[in-house]
Amino acid sequence: MKETKGHIFSISRDNAPVAGCTISKELVNEDQYQVFYFSLAAGTDISPEIYRQAKVLYVADGTLTVHWLGEEHNLVAGQAIIAPPSVPVGMKSRDGAVYTELTVEEEFLMNIDAGKIFSLAGLVPYQDGKIINRDIIQSPKVKFVVMSFGAGTGLSEHAAPGEALIFALEGKAVIRYEGEDHEIKAGENFAFAKNGRHAITADGPFKMALLLTLE
């Protein structure tokens, strides 16, 4: 994963649109899945293209219109949509947008219907004293899950066999990474290296999405 590990960052801030331009940044490009950041300046677009895999599009900032087969789907920050495979899918933005695109085989999508706009944070409720997980993608190579943490709950220190990317969706938490604490809040991100030791403690109710590569 082509992202700096071990510090707080913001996908939206670090990939701000450039006037008149569309920008892409590759994070992962494997046969079974791909992950890119995209930035669209106000009034720009990406022409419709056909892909054999489905796309999960998550908007970090701005407004994004995703369109296929004559239908337009208008997303704002915090919302996501699954675009279907094998049809021409295009993107455009009236005001500018920054979004993450995750491409996977449709068979690995779970619990979400293609073509419906949804809020990542809205996929899981809070429950006092509990951590709730909901898988969105489960494949042999990558997992994407949304999690909610009741106030004060957390994950004890552990390490994962692959790399990971956190999207903080609501609230605040403390990430301990390789013995150092980092305070993260909604709209920010954090990346773990393979086998990086980490723990998470919610500072009040907290929701996040987790992209995990699997070896």
C-alpha atoms as a PDB file:
ATOM      1  CA  MET A   1       0.000   0.000   0.000  1.00  0.00           C
ATOM      2  CA  LYS A   2       1.560   3.250  -1.162  1.00  0.00           C
ATOM      3  CA  GLU A   3       0.717   5.329   1.906  1.00  0.00           C
ATOM      4  CA  THR A   4       2.933   6.640   4.702  1.00  0.00           C
ATOM      5  CA  LYS A   5       2.560   4.517   7.810  1.00  0.00           C
ATOM      6  CA  GLY A   6       2.400   5.525  11.456  1.00  0.00           C
ATOM      7  CA  HIS A   7       0.987   9.067  11.489  1.00  0.00           C
ATOM      8  CA  ILE A   8      -2.329  10.899  11.225  1.00  0.00           C
ATOM      9  CA  PHE A   9      -3.171  12.250   7.778  1.00  0.00           C
ATOM     10  CA  SER A  10      -6.220  13.285   5.762  1.00  0.00           C
ATOM     11  CA  ILE A  11      -7.035  11.894   2.335  1.00  0.00           C
ATOM     12  CA  SER A  12      -9.123  14.975   1.543  1.00  0.00           C
ATOM     13  CA  ARG A  13      -6.444  17.479   2.601  1.00  0.00           C
ATOM     14  CA  ASP A  14      -3.556  15.596   1.017  1.00  0.00           C
ATOM     15  CA  ASN A  15      -5.386  15.154  -2.288  1.00  0.00           C
ATOM     16  CA  ALA A  16      -7.059  18.547  -2.682  1.00  0.00           C
ATOM     17  CA  PRO A  17      -8.362  19.214  -6.206  1.00  0.00           C
ATOM     18  CA  VAL A  18      -6.331  21.305  -8.641  1.00  0.00           C
ATOM     19  CA  ALA A  19      -8.349  23.770 -10.738  1.00  0.00           C
ATOM     20  CA  GLY A  20      -9.329  22.336 -14.102  1.00  0.00           C
ATOM     21  CA  CYS A  21      -7.737  18.937 -13.418  1.00  0.00           C
ATOM     22  CA  THR A  22      -8.556  15.376 -12.460  1.00  0.00           C
ATOM     23  CA  ILE A  23      -5.928  13.570 -10.373  1.00  0.00           C
ATOM     24  CA  SER A  24      -5.482   9.925  -9.428  1.00  0.00           C
ATOM     25  CA  LYS A  25      -3.122   8.291  -6.929  1.00  0.00           C
ATOM     26  CA  GLU A  26      -2.524   4.545  -6.853  1.00  0.00           C
ATOM     27  CA  LEU A  27      -2.415   2.826  -3.459  1.00  0.00           C
ATOM     28  CA  VAL A  28      -2.736  -0.802  -4.496  1.00  0.00           C
ATOM     29  CA  ASN A  29      -2.911  -2.392  -7.949  1.00  0.00           C
ATOM     30  CA  GLU A  30      -3.309  -6.154  -7.707  1.00  0.00           C
ATOM     31  CA  ASP A  31      -5.108  -8.564 -10.026  1.00  0.00           C
ATOM     32  CA  GLN A  32      -7.932  -9.192  -7.540  1.00  0.00           C
ATOM     33  CA  TYR A  33      -8.377  -5.634  -6.271  1.00  0.00           C
ATOM     34  CA  GLN A  34      -7.229  -2.047  -6.751  1.00  0.00           C
ATOM     35  CA  VAL A  35      -7.349   1.041  -4.526  1.00  0.00           C
ATOM     36  CA  PHE A  36      -6.980   4.612  -5.806  1.00  0.00           C
ATOM     37  CA  TYR A  37      -7.581   8.143  -4.549  1.00  0.00           C
ATOM     38  CA  PHE A  38      -9.220  10.523  -7.037  1.00  0.00           C
ATOM     39  CA  SER A  39      -9.547  14.313  -7.008  1.00  0.00           C
ATOM     40  CA  LEU A  40     -11.928  16.088  -9.375  1.00  0.00           C
ATOM     41  CA  ALA A  41     -11.837  19.852  -9.656  1.00  0.00           C
ATOM     42  CA  ALA A  42     -15.123  21.728  -9.967  1.00  0.00           C
ATOM     43  CA  GLY A  43     -16.663  21.168 -13.384  1.00  0.00           C
ATOM     44  CA  THR A  44     -14.452  18.212 -14.340  1.00  0.00           C
ATOM     45  CA  ASP A  45     -15.344  14.611 -15.106  1.00  0.00           C
ATOM     46  CA  ILE A  46     -14.082  11.122 -15.878  1.00  0.00           C
ATOM     47  CA  SER A  47     -15.648   9.692 -19.031  1.00  0.00           C
ATOM     48  CA  PRO A  48     -17.679   6.481 -18.706  1.00  0.00           C
ATOM     49  CA  GLU A  49     -15.613   3.308 -18.898  1.00  0.00           C
ATOM     50  CA  ILE A  50     -16.448  -0.383 -18.604  1.00  0.00           C
ATOM     51  CA  TYR A  51     -14.725  -2.567 -16.002  1.00  0.00           C
ATOM     52  CA  ARG A  52     -15.120  -6.280 -15.262  1.00  0.00           C
ATOM     53  CA  GLN A  53     -15.115  -5.616 -11.501  1.00  0.00           C
ATOM     54  CA  ALA A  54     -17.438  -3.656  -9.225  1.00  0.00           C
ATOM     55  CA  LYS A  55     -16.306  -0.355  -7.704  1.00  0.00           C
ATOM     56  CA  VAL A  56     -16.886   0.916  -4.186  1.00  0.00           C
ATOM     57  CA  LEU A  57     -16.685   4.729  -4.252  1.00  0.00           C
ATOM     58  CA  TYR A  58     -16.410   6.615  -0.945  1.00  0.00           C
ATOM     59  CA  VAL A  59     -16.486  10.434  -0.943  1.00  0.00           C
ATOM     60  CA  ALA A  60     -14.132  12.112   1.538  1.00  0.00           C
ATOM     61  CA  ASP A  61     -14.908  15.697   0.527  1.00  0.00           C
ATOM     62  CA  GLY A  62     -17.106  17.646  -1.868  1.00  0.00           C
ATOM     63  CA  THR A  63     -19.859  16.336  -4.139  1.00  0.00           C
ATOM     64  CA  LEU A  64     -19.637  13.543  -6.698  1.00  0.00           C
ATOM     65  CA  THR A  65     -22.080  12.368  -9.348  1.00  0.00           C
ATOM     66  CA  VAL A  66     -21.672   8.756 -10.458  1.00  0.00           C
ATOM     67  CA  HIS A  67     -23.642   7.802 -13.559  1.00  0.00           C
ATOM     68  CA  TRP A  68     -24.379   4.714 -15.627  1.00  0.00           C
ATOM     69  CA  LEU A  69     -27.151   3.582 -18.000  1.00  0.00           C
ATOM     70  CA  GLY A  70     -28.811   6.998 -17.899  1.00  0.00           C
ATOM     71  CA  GLU A  71     -29.034   7.126 -14.092  1.00  0.00           C
ATOM     72  CA  GLU A  72     -27.246   9.739 -11.947  1.00  0.00           C
ATOM     73  CA  HIS A  73     -26.351   9.177  -8.300  1.00  0.00           C
ATOM     74  CA  ASN A  74     -25.357  12.293  -6.334  1.00  0.00           C
ATOM     75  CA  LEU A  75     -23.074  11.726  -3.342  1.00  0.00           C
ATOM     76  CA  VAL A  76     -21.780  14.074  -0.646  1.00  0.00           C
ATOM     77  CA  ALA A  77     -18.930  13.651   1.847  1.00  0.00           C
ATOM     78  CA  GLY A  78     -19.384  10.557   3.997  1.00  0.00           C
ATOM     79  CA  GLN A  79     -21.496   8.717   1.441  1.00  0.00           C
ATOM     80  CA  ALA A  80     -20.604   5.745  -0.732  1.00  0.00           C
ATOM     81  CA  ILE A  81     -22.015   3.726  -3.604  1.00  0.00           C
ATOM     82  CA  ILE A  82     -21.225   0.472  -5.384  1.00  0.00           C
ATOM     83  CA  ALA A  83     -21.022   0.855  -9.165  1.00  0.00           C
ATOM     84  CA  PRO A  84     -21.777  -2.359 -11.082  1.00  0.00           C
ATOM     85  CA  PRO A  85     -19.360  -4.155 -13.412  1.00  0.00           C
ATOM     86  CA  SER A  86     -19.712  -4.560 -17.187  1.00  0.00           C
ATOM     87  CA  VAL A  87     -21.537  -1.254 -17.827  1.00  0.00           C
ATOM     88  CA  PRO A  88     -20.089   2.193 -18.699  1.00  0.00           C
ATOM     89  CA  VAL A  89     -19.619   4.104 -15.410  1.00  0.00           C
ATOM     90  CA  GLY A  90     -18.581   7.769 -15.298  1.00  0.00           C
ATOM     91  CA  MET A  91     -17.942  10.369 -12.605  1.00  0.00           C
ATOM     92  CA  LYS A  92     -18.321  14.151 -12.533  1.00  0.00           C
ATOM     93  CA  SER A  93     -18.296  16.916  -9.950  1.00  0.00           C
ATOM     94  CA  ARG A  94     -19.978  20.288  -9.985  1.00  0.00           C
ATOM     95  CA  ASP A  95     -18.157  21.686  -6.941  1.00  0.00           C
ATOM     96  CA  GLY A  96     -15.072  19.451  -6.676  1.00  0.00           C
ATOM     97  CA  ALA A  97     -14.599  16.092  -4.965  1.00  0.00           C
ATOM     98  CA  VAL A  98     -12.044  13.809  -3.336  1.00  0.00           C
ATOM     99  CA  TYR A  99     -12.911  10.130  -3.154  1.00  0.00           C
ATOM    100  CA  THR A 100     -11.461   6.657  -2.665  1.00  0.00           C
ATOM    101  CA  GLU A 101     -12.162   3.962  -5.239  1.00  0.00           C
ATOM    102  CA  LEU A 102     -11.884   0.275  -4.319  1.00  0.00           C
ATOM    103  CA  THR A 103     -12.328  -2.208  -7.161  1.00  0.00           C
ATOM    104  CA  VAL A 104     -13.121  -5.876  -6.448  1.00  0.00           C
ATOM    105  CA  GLU A 105     -14.926  -8.854  -7.926  1.00  0.00           C
ATOM    106  CA  GLU A 106     -18.659  -8.459  -7.337  1.00  0.00           C
ATOM    107  CA  GLU A 107     -18.867 -11.856  -5.609  1.00  0.00           C
ATOM    108  CA  PHE A 108     -16.774 -10.520  -2.704  1.00  0.00           C
ATOM    109  CA  LEU A 109     -19.224  -7.720  -1.823  1.00  0.00           C
ATOM    110  CA  MET A 110     -21.331  -8.360   1.279  1.00  0.00           C
ATOM    111  CA  ASN A 111     -24.465  -6.824   2.808  1.00  0.00           C
ATOM    112  CA  ILE A 112     -24.738  -3.931   0.310  1.00  0.00           C
ATOM    113  CA  ASP A 113     -26.741  -3.639  -2.928  1.00  0.00           C
ATOM    114  CA  ALA A 114     -25.146  -2.054  -5.994  1.00  0.00           C
ATOM    115  CA  GLY A 115     -26.573   1.262  -7.113  1.00  0.00           C
ATOM    116  CA  LYS A 116     -27.801   2.462  -3.712  1.00  0.00           C
ATOM    117  CA  ILE A 117     -26.205   5.435  -1.948  1.00  0.00           C
ATOM    118  CA  PHE A 118     -25.327   4.719   1.675  1.00  0.00           C
ATOM    119  CA  SER A 119     -23.464   6.304   4.571  1.00  0.00           C
ATOM    120  CA  LEU A 120     -20.542   4.233   5.837  1.00  0.00           C
ATOM    121  CA  ALA A 121     -21.122   5.489   9.377  1.00  0.00           C
ATOM    122  CA  GLY A 122     -24.802   4.619   9.104  1.00  0.00           C
ATOM    123  CA  LEU A 123     -24.123   0.935   8.472  1.00  0.00           C
ATOM    124  CA  VAL A 124     -23.500   0.131  12.141  1.00  0.00           C
ATOM    125  CA  PRO A 125     -25.202   1.345  15.351  1.00  0.00           C
ATOM    126  CA  TYR A 126     -23.595   2.103  18.705  1.00  0.00           C
ATOM    127  CA  GLN A 127     -24.103  -0.090  21.751  1.00  0.00           C
ATOM    128  CA  ASP A 128     -22.721   0.763  25.181  1.00  0.00           C
ATOM    129  CA  GLY A 129     -19.697  -1.312  26.094  1.00  0.00           C
ATOM    130  CA  LYS A 130     -19.598  -3.080  22.732  1.00  0.00           C
ATOM    131  CA  ILE A 131     -17.688  -3.086  19.445  1.00  0.00           C
ATOM    132  CA  ILE A 132     -19.793  -3.835  16.363  1.00  0.00           C
ATOM    133  CA  ASN A 133     -18.336  -4.958  13.009  1.00  0.00           C
ATOM    134  CA  ARG A 134     -19.971  -5.152   9.585  1.00  0.00           C
ATOM    135  CA  ASP A 135     -18.083  -6.589   6.623  1.00  0.00           C
ATOM    136  CA  ILE A 136     -18.522  -4.807   3.289  1.00  0.00           C
ATOM    137  CA  ILE A 137     -15.876  -6.693   1.314  1.00  0.00           C
ATOM    138  CA  GLN A 138     -14.458 -10.104   2.140  1.00  0.00           C
ATOM    139  CA  SER A 139     -12.053 -11.688  -0.334  1.00  0.00           C
ATOM    140  CA  PRO A 140      -8.914 -13.832  -0.075  1.00  0.00           C
ATOM    141  CA  LYS A 141      -6.807 -10.703  -0.603  1.00  0.00           C
ATOM    142  CA  VAL A 142      -8.644  -7.754   0.951  1.00  0.00           C
ATOM    143  CA  LYS A 143     -11.233  -6.964   3.606  1.00  0.00           C
ATOM    144  CA  PHE A 144     -13.244  -3.773   4.123  1.00  0.00           C
ATOM    145  CA  VAL A 145     -15.193  -3.467   7.355  1.00  0.00           C
ATOM    146  CA  VAL A 146     -17.109  -0.735   9.220  1.00  0.00           C
ATOM    147  CA  MET A 147     -16.820  -0.706  13.018  1.00  0.00           C
ATOM    148  CA  SER A 148     -18.475   1.124  15.901  1.00  0.00           C
ATOM    149  CA  PHE A 149     -16.967   1.433  19.379  1.00  0.00           C
ATOM    150  CA  GLY A 150     -18.951   2.241  22.483  1.00  0.00           C
ATOM    151  CA  ALA A 151     -17.331   4.949  24.628  1.00  0.00           C
ATOM    152  CA  GLY A 152     -14.197   3.624  26.293  1.00  0.00           C
ATOM    153  CA  THR A 153     -14.091   0.354  24.376  1.00  0.00           C
ATOM    154  CA  GLY A 154     -11.153  -0.634  22.229  1.00  0.00           C
ATOM    155  CA  LEU A 155      -8.899  -3.245  20.704  1.00  0.00           C
ATOM    156  CA  SER A 156      -5.894  -4.387  22.714  1.00  0.00           C
ATOM    157  CA  GLU A 157      -2.455  -4.306  21.137  1.00  0.00           C
ATOM    158  CA  HIS A 158      -2.070  -6.712  18.236  1.00  0.00           C
ATOM    159  CA  ALA A 159      -0.514  -6.933  14.775  1.00  0.00           C
ATOM    160  CA  ALA A 160      -2.066  -7.841  11.417  1.00  0.00           C
ATOM    161  CA  PRO A 161      -0.374  -9.970   8.749  1.00  0.00           C
ATOM    162  CA  GLY A 162      -1.120  -7.337   6.102  1.00  0.00           C
ATOM    163  CA  GLU A 163      -1.231  -3.561   5.729  1.00  0.00           C
ATOM    164  CA  ALA A 164      -4.236  -1.540   6.885  1.00  0.00           C
ATOM    165  CA  LEU A 165      -5.861   1.852   6.270  1.00  0.00           C
ATOM    166  CA  ILE A 166      -8.259   3.483   8.754  1.00  0.00           C
ATOM    167  CA  PHE A 167     -10.999   5.957   7.806  1.00  0.00           C
ATOM    168  CA  ALA A 168     -12.275   7.738  10.947  1.00  0.00           C
ATOM    169  CA  LEU A 169     -16.010   8.321  10.368  1.00  0.00           C
ATOM    170  CA  GLU A 170     -17.422   9.688  13.646  1.00  0.00           C
ATOM    171  CA  GLY A 171     -16.019  10.775  16.984  1.00  0.00           C
ATOM    172  CA  LYS A 172     -12.464  10.447  18.301  1.00  0.00           C
ATOM    173  CA  ALA A 173     -10.089   7.693  19.340  1.00  0.00           C
ATOM    174  CA  VAL A 174      -6.505   7.098  20.391  1.00  0.00           C
ATOM    175  CA  ILE A 175      -4.406   4.838  18.197  1.00  0.00           C
ATOM    176  CA  ARG A 176      -1.326   3.384  19.842  1.00  0.00           C
ATOM    177  CA  TYR A 177       1.124   2.418  17.095  1.00  0.00           C
ATOM    178  CA  GLU A 178       4.512   0.899  17.845  1.00  0.00           C
ATOM    179  CA  GLY A 179       4.342   2.338  21.378  1.00  0.00           C
ATOM    180  CA  GLU A 180       3.316   5.895  20.404  1.00  0.00           C
ATOM    181  CA  ASP A 181      -0.166   7.419  20.857  1.00  0.00           C
ATOM    182  CA  HIS A 182      -1.956   9.276  18.044  1.00  0.00           C
ATOM    183  CA  GLU A 183      -5.304  11.063  18.488  1.00  0.00           C
ATOM    184  CA  ILE A 184      -7.559  10.599  15.470  1.00  0.00           C
ATOM    185  CA  LYS A 185     -10.910  12.247  14.728  1.00  0.00           C
ATOM    186  CA  ALA A 186     -13.607  12.053  12.072  1.00  0.00           C
ATOM    187  CA  GLY A 187     -12.294  12.883   8.606  1.00  0.00           C
ATOM    188  CA  GLU A 188      -8.757  11.713   9.333  1.00  0.00           C
ATOM    189  CA  ASN A 189      -6.844   8.583   8.364  1.00  0.00           C
ATOM    190  CA  PHE A 190      -4.078   6.325   9.620  1.00  0.00           C
ATOM    191  CA  ALA A 191      -2.118   3.526   7.933  1.00  0.00           C
ATOM    192  CA  PHE A 192      -0.459   0.485   9.511  1.00  0.00           C
ATOM    193  CA  ALA A 193       2.493  -1.408   8.098  1.00  0.00           C
ATOM    194  CA  LYS A 194       2.423  -5.188   7.882  1.00  0.00           C
ATOM    195  CA  ASN A 195       2.985  -6.612  11.384  1.00  0.00           C
ATOM    196  CA  GLY A 196       2.830  -3.110  12.922  1.00  0.00           C
ATOM    197  CA  ARG A 197       1.827  -3.314  16.597  1.00  0.00           C
ATOM    198  CA  HIS A 198      -1.276  -1.232  17.302  1.00  0.00           C
ATOM    199  CA  ALA A 199      -4.213  -0.731  19.657  1.00  0.00           C
ATOM    200  CA  ILE A 200      -7.324   1.476  19.489  1.00  0.00           C
ATOM    201  CA  THR A 201      -9.271   3.080  22.361  1.00  0.00           C
ATOM    202  CA  ALA A 202     -12.452   5.073  21.709  1.00  0.00           C
ATOM    203  CA  ASP A 203     -12.631   8.546  23.275  1.00  0.00           C
ATOM    204  CA  GLY A 204     -16.416   8.564  23.417  1.00  0.00           C
ATOM    205  CA  PRO A 205     -18.522   6.844  20.741  1.00  0.00           C
ATOM    206  CA  PHE A 206     -16.354   6.218  17.666  1.00  0.00           C
ATOM    207  CA  LYS A 207     -16.884   4.780  14.195  1.00  0.00           C
ATOM    208  CA  MET A 208     -14.326   3.871  11.568  1.00  0.00           C
ATOM    209  CA  ALA A 209     -13.887   1.919   8.357  1.00  0.00           C
ATOM    210  CA  LEU A 210     -10.919  -0.414   7.995  1.00  0.00           C
ATOM    211  CA  LEU A 211      -9.307  -1.549   4.745  1.00  0.00           C
ATOM    212  CA  LEU A 212      -7.094  -4.563   5.417  1.00  0.00           C
ATOM    213  CA  THR A 213      -4.875  -6.378   2.945  1.00  0.00           C
ATOM    214  CA  LEU A 214      -4.594 -10.126   3.471  1.00  0.00           C
ATOM    215  CA  GLU A 215      -1.550 -12.249   2.706  1.00  0.00           C
END
